[in-house]
Amino acid sequence: MVDVAEIKEHADVVGSDGAHVGTVDHVDKGEIKLTKKDAAAGGLHHYIPVDFVQSVEGDMVRLDRPAEEVKREWSTS
């Protein structure tokens, strides 16, 4: 289990395939809220469960599944 406190604001979020998913806005209630200003966001905040996090490496959050799968599963509320 990853220490959620290690996830930094504005960290890059990438899938297990290394593809960009988004940028961290903040972490709250077991979810990572991604910034809506990110090119991949389409002007909306997206939320992904912290359970998807495989590792935190400095300013990068690596997820346990490919970026396209994460984008199919993320929520906007």
PDB file of N, CA and C in Angstrom:
ATOM      1  N   MET A   1       0.848  -1.192   0.000  1.00  0.00           N
ATOM      2  CA  MET A   1       0.000   0.000   0.000  1.00  0.00           C
ATOM      3  C   MET A   1       0.889   1.250   0.000  1.00  0.00           C
ATOM      4  N   VAL A   2       0.550   2.181  -0.837  1.00  0.00           N
ATOM      5  CA  VAL A   2       1.306   3.419  -0.975  1.00  0.00           C
ATOM      6  C   VAL A   2       0.877   4.412   0.097  1.00  0.00           C
ATOM      7  N   ASP A   3       1.830   5.165   0.631  1.00  0.00           N
ATOM      8  CA  ASP A   3       1.523   6.220   1.591  1.00  0.00           C
ATOM      9  C   ASP A   3       0.934   7.408   0.816  1.00  0.00           C
ATOM     10  N   VAL A   4      -0.342   7.674   1.008  1.00  0.00           N
ATOM     11  CA  VAL A   4      -1.051   8.732   0.282  1.00  0.00           C
ATOM     12  C   VAL A   4      -0.401  10.095   0.512  1.00  0.00           C
ATOM     13  N   ALA A   5       0.243  10.281   1.645  1.00  0.00           N
ATOM     14  CA  ALA A   5       0.901  11.552   1.949  1.00  0.00           C
ATOM     15  C   ALA A   5       2.051  11.841   0.978  1.00  0.00           C
ATOM     16  N   GLU A   6       2.549  10.813   0.288  1.00  0.00           N
ATOM     17  CA  GLU A   6       3.639  10.995  -0.676  1.00  0.00           C
ATOM     18  C   GLU A   6       3.148  11.612  -1.993  1.00  0.00           C
ATOM     19  N   ILE A   7       1.844  11.573  -2.236  1.00  0.00           N
ATOM     20  CA  ILE A   7       1.299  12.100  -3.489  1.00  0.00           C
ATOM     21  C   ILE A   7       1.235  13.621  -3.385  1.00  0.00           C
ATOM     22  N   LYS A   8       1.992  14.278  -4.265  1.00  0.00           N
ATOM     23  CA  LYS A   8       2.119  15.732  -4.205  1.00  0.00           C
ATOM     24  C   LYS A   8       1.192  16.427  -5.198  1.00  0.00           C
ATOM     25  N   GLU A   9       0.734  17.598  -4.812  1.00  0.00           N
ATOM     26  CA  GLU A   9      -0.027  18.459  -5.704  1.00  0.00           C
ATOM     27  C   GLU A   9       0.800  18.737  -6.955  1.00  0.00           C
ATOM     28  N   HIS A  10       0.180  18.714  -8.105  1.00  0.00           N
ATOM     29  CA  HIS A  10       0.789  18.972  -9.413  1.00  0.00           C
ATOM     30  C   HIS A  10       1.710  17.845  -9.891  1.00  0.00           C
ATOM     31  N   ALA A  11       1.675  16.687  -9.209  1.00  0.00           N
ATOM     32  CA  ALA A  11       2.456  15.540  -9.677  1.00  0.00           C
ATOM     33  C   ALA A  11       1.832  15.000 -10.960  1.00  0.00           C
ATOM     34  N   ASP A  12       2.673  14.467 -11.806  1.00  0.00           N
ATOM     35  CA  ASP A  12       2.244  13.830 -13.052  1.00  0.00           C
ATOM     36  C   ASP A  12       1.669  12.460 -12.717  1.00  0.00           C
ATOM     37  N   VAL A  13       0.542  12.089 -13.314  1.00  0.00           N
ATOM     38  CA  VAL A  13      -0.050  10.769 -13.117  1.00  0.00           C
ATOM     39  C   VAL A  13       0.071  10.015 -14.433  1.00  0.00           C
ATOM     40  N   VAL A  14       0.696   8.833 -14.384  1.00  0.00           N
ATOM     41  CA  VAL A  14       0.891   8.030 -15.588  1.00  0.00           C
ATOM     42  C   VAL A  14       0.371   6.618 -15.360  1.00  0.00           C
ATOM     43  N   GLY A  15      -0.084   6.014 -16.450  1.00  0.00           N
ATOM     44  CA  GLY A  15      -0.537   4.635 -16.400  1.00  0.00           C
ATOM     45  C   GLY A  15       0.642   3.680 -16.325  1.00  0.00           C
ATOM     46  N   SER A  16       0.344   2.395 -16.176  1.00  0.00           N
ATOM     47  CA  SER A  16       1.406   1.383 -16.119  1.00  0.00           C
ATOM     48  C   SER A  16       2.170   1.307 -17.431  1.00  0.00           C
ATOM     49  N   ASP A  17       1.560   1.832 -18.499  1.00  0.00           N
ATOM     50  CA  ASP A  17       2.210   1.866 -19.813  1.00  0.00           C
ATOM     51  C   ASP A  17       3.052   3.123 -20.014  1.00  0.00           C
ATOM     52  N   GLY A  18       3.104   3.994 -18.999  1.00  0.00           N
ATOM     53  CA  GLY A  18       3.890   5.220 -19.073  1.00  0.00           C
ATOM     54  C   GLY A  18       3.163   6.382 -19.726  1.00  0.00           C
ATOM     55  N   ALA A  19       1.930   6.151 -20.202  1.00  0.00           N
ATOM     56  CA  ALA A  19       1.161   7.204 -20.861  1.00  0.00           C
ATOM     57  C   ALA A  19       0.538   8.154 -19.829  1.00  0.00           C
ATOM     58  N   HIS A  20       0.502   9.426 -20.185  1.00  0.00           N
ATOM     59  CA  HIS A  20      -0.022  10.472 -19.307  1.00  0.00           C
ATOM     60  C   HIS A  20      -1.519  10.280 -19.046  1.00  0.00           C
ATOM     61  N   VAL A  21      -1.913  10.381 -17.776  1.00  0.00           N
ATOM     62  CA  VAL A  21      -3.323  10.302 -17.377  1.00  0.00           C
ATOM     63  C   VAL A  21      -3.822  11.673 -16.955  1.00  0.00           C
ATOM     64  N   GLY A  22      -3.010  12.397 -16.174  1.00  0.00           N
ATOM     65  CA  GLY A  22      -3.424  13.704 -15.688  1.00  0.00           C
ATOM     66  C   GLY A  22      -2.410  14.285 -14.727  1.00  0.00           C
ATOM     67  N   THR A  23      -2.852  15.340 -14.030  1.00  0.00           N
ATOM     68  CA  THR A  23      -2.025  16.044 -13.052  1.00  0.00           C
ATOM     69  C   THR A  23      -2.809  16.131 -11.750  1.00  0.00           C
ATOM     70  N   VAL A  24      -2.160  15.829 -10.641  1.00  0.00           N
ATOM     71  CA  VAL A  24      -2.827  15.831  -9.331  1.00  0.00           C
ATOM     72  C   VAL A  24      -3.246  17.241  -8.932  1.00  0.00           C
ATOM     73  N   ASP A  25      -4.517  17.388  -8.571  1.00  0.00           N
ATOM     74  CA  ASP A  25      -5.014  18.609  -7.942  1.00  0.00           C
ATOM     75  C   ASP A  25      -4.837  18.423  -6.434  1.00  0.00           C
ATOM     76  N   HIS A  26      -5.469  17.389  -5.900  1.00  0.00           N
ATOM     77  CA  HIS A  26      -5.254  17.014  -4.499  1.00  0.00           C
ATOM     78  C   HIS A  26      -5.827  15.620  -4.239  1.00  0.00           C
ATOM     79  N   VAL A  27      -5.566  15.104  -3.038  1.00  0.00           N
ATOM     80  CA  VAL A  27      -6.072  13.795  -2.629  1.00  0.00           C
ATOM     81  C   VAL A  27      -7.069  14.022  -1.504  1.00  0.00           C
ATOM     82  N   ASP A  28      -8.230  13.352  -1.604  1.00  0.00           N
ATOM     83  CA  ASP A  28      -9.263  13.519  -0.589  1.00  0.00           C
ATOM     84  C   ASP A  28     -10.142  12.277  -0.564  1.00  0.00           C
ATOM     85  N   LYS A  29     -10.404  11.761   0.623  1.00  0.00           N
ATOM     86  CA  LYS A  29     -11.345  10.659   0.824  1.00  0.00           C
ATOM     87  C   LYS A  29     -11.082   9.462  -0.082  1.00  0.00           C
ATOM     88  N   GLY A  30      -9.818   9.077  -0.180  1.00  0.00           N
ATOM     89  CA  GLY A  30      -9.472   7.887  -0.934  1.00  0.00           C
ATOM     90  C   GLY A  30      -9.454   8.053  -2.442  1.00  0.00           C
ATOM     91  N   GLU A  31      -9.497   9.292  -2.909  1.00  0.00           N
ATOM     92  CA  GLU A  31      -9.464   9.549  -4.348  1.00  0.00           C
ATOM     93  C   GLU A  31      -8.455  10.629  -4.687  1.00  0.00           C
ATOM     94  N   ILE A  32      -7.879  10.501  -5.881  1.00  0.00           N
ATOM     95  CA  ILE A  32      -7.017  11.545  -6.411  1.00  0.00           C
ATOM     96  C   ILE A  32      -7.875  12.389  -7.343  1.00  0.00           C
ATOM     97  N   LYS A  33      -7.940  13.678  -7.059  1.00  0.00           N
ATOM     98  CA  LYS A  33      -8.655  14.610  -7.936  1.00  0.00           C
ATOM     99  C   LYS A  33      -7.630  15.162  -8.905  1.00  0.00           C
ATOM    100  N   LEU A  34      -7.925  15.033 -10.193  1.00  0.00           N
ATOM    101  CA  LEU A  34      -7.022  15.533 -11.223  1.00  0.00           C
ATOM    102  C   LEU A  34      -7.439  16.934 -11.643  1.00  0.00           C
ATOM    103  N   THR A  35      -6.465  17.759 -12.018  1.00  0.00           N
ATOM    104  CA  THR A  35      -6.769  19.132 -12.423  1.00  0.00           C
ATOM    105  C   THR A  35      -7.585  19.141 -13.708  1.00  0.00           C
ATOM    106  N   LYS A  36      -8.472  20.117 -13.809  1.00  0.00           N
ATOM    107  CA  LYS A  36      -9.285  20.224 -15.022  1.00  0.00           C
ATOM    108  C   LYS A  36      -8.560  20.988 -16.125  1.00  0.00           C
ATOM    109  N   LYS A  37      -7.445  21.627 -15.788  1.00  0.00           N
ATOM    110  CA  LYS A  37      -6.684  22.392 -16.782  1.00  0.00           C
ATOM    111  C   LYS A  37      -5.746  21.513 -17.602  1.00  0.00           C
ATOM    112  N   ASP A  38      -5.575  20.267 -17.193  1.00  0.00           N
ATOM    113  CA  ASP A  38      -4.708  19.345 -17.917  1.00  0.00           C
ATOM    114  C   ASP A  38      -5.299  19.054 -19.297  1.00  0.00           C
ATOM    115  N   ALA A  39      -4.445  18.901 -20.291  1.00  0.00           N
ATOM    116  CA  ALA A  39      -4.898  18.664 -21.664  1.00  0.00           C
ATOM    117  C   ALA A  39      -5.775  17.414 -21.778  1.00  0.00           C
ATOM    118  N   ALA A  40      -5.513  16.396 -20.967  1.00  0.00           N
ATOM    119  CA  ALA A  40      -6.269  15.148 -21.030  1.00  0.00           C
ATOM    120  C   ALA A  40      -7.630  15.242 -20.332  1.00  0.00           C
ATOM    121  N   ALA A  41      -7.873  16.325 -19.605  1.00  0.00           N
ATOM    122  CA  ALA A  41      -9.066  16.419 -18.762  1.00  0.00           C
ATOM    123  C   ALA A  41     -10.322  16.908 -19.474  1.00  0.00           C
ATOM    124  N   GLY A  42     -10.169  17.558 -20.592  1.00  0.00           N
ATOM    125  CA  GLY A  42     -11.342  18.056 -21.299  1.00  0.00           C
ATOM    126  C   GLY A  42     -12.131  19.092 -20.510  1.00  0.00           C
ATOM    127  N   GLY A  43     -11.438  19.845 -19.648  1.00  0.00           N
ATOM    128  CA  GLY A  43     -12.092  20.898 -18.877  1.00  0.00           C
ATOM    129  C   GLY A  43     -12.856  20.419 -17.651  1.00  0.00           C
ATOM    130  N   LEU A  44     -12.713  19.135 -17.294  1.00  0.00           N
ATOM    131  CA  LEU A  44     -13.416  18.577 -16.135  1.00  0.00           C
ATOM    132  C   LEU A  44     -12.423  18.018 -15.120  1.00  0.00           C
ATOM    133  N   HIS A  45     -12.821  18.065 -13.846  1.00  0.00           N
ATOM    134  CA  HIS A  45     -12.049  17.360 -12.829  1.00  0.00           C
ATOM    135  C   HIS A  45     -12.398  15.879 -12.960  1.00  0.00           C
ATOM    136  N   HIS A  46     -11.403  15.018 -12.863  1.00  0.00           N
ATOM    137  CA  HIS A  46     -11.629  13.587 -12.860  1.00  0.00           C
ATOM    138  C   HIS A  46     -11.083  13.020 -11.555  1.00  0.00           C
ATOM    139  N   TYR A  47     -11.678  11.934 -11.112  1.00  0.00           N
ATOM    140  CA  TYR A  47     -11.309  11.312  -9.848  1.00  0.00           C
ATOM    141  C   TYR A  47     -10.928   9.861 -10.093  1.00  0.00           C
ATOM    142  N   ILE A  48      -9.806   9.457  -9.501  1.00  0.00           N
ATOM    143  CA  ILE A  48      -9.396   8.063  -9.580  1.00  0.00           C
ATOM    144  C   ILE A  48      -9.098   7.563  -8.168  1.00  0.00           C
ATOM    145  N   PRO A  49      -9.432   6.309  -7.873  1.00  0.00           N
ATOM    146  CA  PRO A  49      -9.182   5.768  -6.535  1.00  0.00           C
ATOM    147  C   PRO A  49      -7.685   5.667  -6.240  1.00  0.00           C
ATOM    148  N   VAL A  50      -7.310   5.947  -5.016  1.00  0.00           N
ATOM    149  CA  VAL A  50      -5.896   5.799  -4.644  1.00  0.00           C
ATOM    150  C   VAL A  50      -5.478   4.336  -4.727  1.00  0.00           C
ATOM    151  N   ASP A  51      -6.443   3.423  -4.736  1.00  0.00           N
ATOM    152  CA  ASP A  51      -6.136   1.996  -4.882  1.00  0.00           C
ATOM    153  C   ASP A  51      -5.456   1.695  -6.220  1.00  0.00           C
ATOM    154  N   PHE A  52      -5.602   2.573  -7.217  1.00  0.00           N
ATOM    155  CA  PHE A  52      -4.974   2.387  -8.526  1.00  0.00           C
ATOM    156  C   PHE A  52      -3.475   2.678  -8.483  1.00  0.00           C
ATOM    157  N   VAL A  53      -3.003   3.343  -7.418  1.00  0.00           N
ATOM    158  CA  VAL A  53      -1.610   3.783  -7.352  1.00  0.00           C
ATOM    159  C   VAL A  53      -0.691   2.599  -7.068  1.00  0.00           C
ATOM    160  N   GLN A  54       0.275   2.419  -7.961  1.00  0.00           N
ATOM    161  CA  GLN A  54       1.273   1.369  -7.786  1.00  0.00           C
ATOM    162  C   GLN A  54       2.476   1.913  -7.027  1.00  0.00           C
ATOM    163  N   SER A  55       2.897   3.142  -7.391  1.00  0.00           N
ATOM    164  CA  SER A  55       4.058   3.735  -6.724  1.00  0.00           C
ATOM    165  C   SER A  55       4.047   5.248  -6.892  1.00  0.00           C
ATOM    166  N   VAL A  56       4.782   5.904  -6.012  1.00  0.00           N
ATOM    167  CA  VAL A  56       4.991   7.349  -6.104  1.00  0.00           C
ATOM    168  C   VAL A  56       6.497   7.548  -6.174  1.00  0.00           C
ATOM    169  N   GLU A  57       6.937   8.170  -7.275  1.00  0.00           N
ATOM    170  CA  GLU A  57       8.370   8.382  -7.501  1.00  0.00           C
ATOM    171  C   GLU A  57       8.612   9.876  -7.665  1.00  0.00           C
ATOM    172  N   GLY A  58       8.847  10.565  -6.557  1.00  0.00           N
ATOM    173  CA  GLY A  58       9.056  12.014  -6.592  1.00  0.00           C
ATOM    174  C   GLY A  58       7.795  12.726  -7.038  1.00  0.00           C
ATOM    175  N   ASP A  59       7.859  13.367  -8.204  1.00  0.00           N
ATOM    176  CA  ASP A  59       6.703  14.103  -8.724  1.00  0.00           C
ATOM    177  C   ASP A  59       5.935  13.297  -9.773  1.00  0.00           C
ATOM    178  N   MET A  60       6.005  11.969  -9.666  1.00  0.00           N
ATOM    179  CA  MET A  60       5.256  11.116 -10.587  1.00  0.00           C
ATOM    180  C   MET A  60       4.507  10.037  -9.815  1.00  0.00           C
ATOM    181  N   VAL A  61       3.219   9.916 -10.158  1.00  0.00           N
ATOM    182  CA  VAL A  61       2.375   8.867  -9.583  1.00  0.00           C
ATOM    183  C   VAL A  61       2.161   7.828 -10.683  1.00  0.00           C
ATOM    184  N   ARG A  62       2.617   6.612 -10.445  1.00  0.00           N
ATOM    185  CA  ARG A  62       2.470   5.537 -11.433  1.00  0.00           C
ATOM    186  C   ARG A  62       1.301   4.638 -10.999  1.00  0.00           C
ATOM    187  N   LEU A  63       0.386   4.393 -11.932  1.00  0.00           N
ATOM    188  CA  LEU A  63      -0.791   3.583 -11.645  1.00  0.00           C
ATOM    189  C   LEU A  63      -0.564   2.124 -12.032  1.00  0.00           C
ATOM    190  N   ASP A  64      -1.449   1.253 -11.558  1.00  0.00           N
ATOM    191  CA  ASP A  64      -1.289  -0.188 -11.773  1.00  0.00           C
ATOM    192  C   ASP A  64      -1.982  -0.700 -13.024  1.00  0.00           C
ATOM    193  N   ARG A  65      -2.495   0.206 -13.845  1.00  0.00           N
ATOM    194  CA  ARG A  65      -3.174  -0.176 -15.091  1.00  0.00           C
ATOM    195  C   ARG A  65      -2.881   0.843 -16.176  1.00  0.00           C
ATOM    196  N   PRO A  66      -3.051   0.459 -17.436  1.00  0.00           N
ATOM    197  CA  PRO A  66      -2.747   1.371 -18.538  1.00  0.00           C
ATOM    198  C   PRO A  66      -3.641   2.615 -18.527  1.00  0.00           C
ATOM    199  N   ALA A  67      -3.123   3.702 -19.085  1.00  0.00           N
ATOM    200  CA  ALA A  67      -3.821   4.990 -19.084  1.00  0.00           C
ATOM    201  C   ALA A  67      -5.230   4.898 -19.675  1.00  0.00           C
ATOM    202  N   GLU A  68      -5.394   4.204 -20.788  1.00  0.00           N
ATOM    203  CA  GLU A  68      -6.721   4.115 -21.416  1.00  0.00           C
ATOM    204  C   GLU A  68      -7.726   3.413 -20.520  1.00  0.00           C
ATOM    205  N   GLU A  69      -7.288   2.401 -19.781  1.00  0.00           N
ATOM    206  CA  GLU A  69      -8.175   1.712 -18.846  1.00  0.00           C
ATOM    207  C   GLU A  69      -8.584   2.653 -17.711  1.00  0.00           C
ATOM    208  N   VAL A  70      -7.622   3.430 -17.201  1.00  0.00           N
ATOM    209  CA  VAL A  70      -7.922   4.390 -16.128  1.00  0.00           C
ATOM    210  C   VAL A  70      -8.971   5.397 -16.619  1.00  0.00           C
ATOM    211  N   LYS A  71      -8.808   5.891 -17.838  1.00  0.00           N
ATOM    212  CA  LYS A  71      -9.732   6.884 -18.380  1.00  0.00           C
ATOM    213  C   LYS A  71     -11.132   6.318 -18.589  1.00  0.00           C
ATOM    214  N   ARG A  72     -11.227   5.019 -18.807  1.00  0.00           N
ATOM    215  CA  ARG A  72     -12.557   4.387 -18.912  1.00  0.00           C
ATOM    216  C   ARG A  72     -13.224   4.276 -17.547  1.00  0.00           C
ATOM    217  N   GLU A  73     -12.388   4.204 -16.493  1.00  0.00           N
ATOM    218  CA  GLU A  73     -12.910   3.953 -15.151  1.00  0.00           C
ATOM    219  C   GLU A  73     -13.009   5.202 -14.260  1.00  0.00           C
ATOM    220  N   TRP A  74     -12.372   6.319 -14.659  1.00  0.00           N
ATOM    221  CA  TRP A  74     -12.404   7.485 -13.782  1.00  0.00           C
ATOM    222  C   TRP A  74     -13.811   8.082 -13.723  1.00  0.00           C
ATOM    223  N   SER A  75     -14.071   8.879 -12.695  1.00  0.00           N
ATOM    224  CA  SER A  75     -15.374   9.535 -12.575  1.00  0.00           C
ATOM    225  C   SER A  75     -15.184  11.055 -12.586  1.00  0.00           C
ATOM    226  N   THR A  76     -16.283  11.743 -12.832  1.00  0.00           N
ATOM    227  CA  THR A  76     -16.241  13.212 -12.840  1.00  0.00           C
ATOM    228  C   THR A  76     -17.015  13.787 -11.658  1.00  0.00           C
ATOM    229  N   SER A  77     -17.428  12.929 -10.721  1.00  0.00           N
ATOM    230  CA  SER A  77     -18.137  13.444  -9.545  1.00  0.00           C
ATOM    231  C   SER A  77     -17.765  12.689  -8.299  1.00  0.00           C
TER     232      SER A  77
END
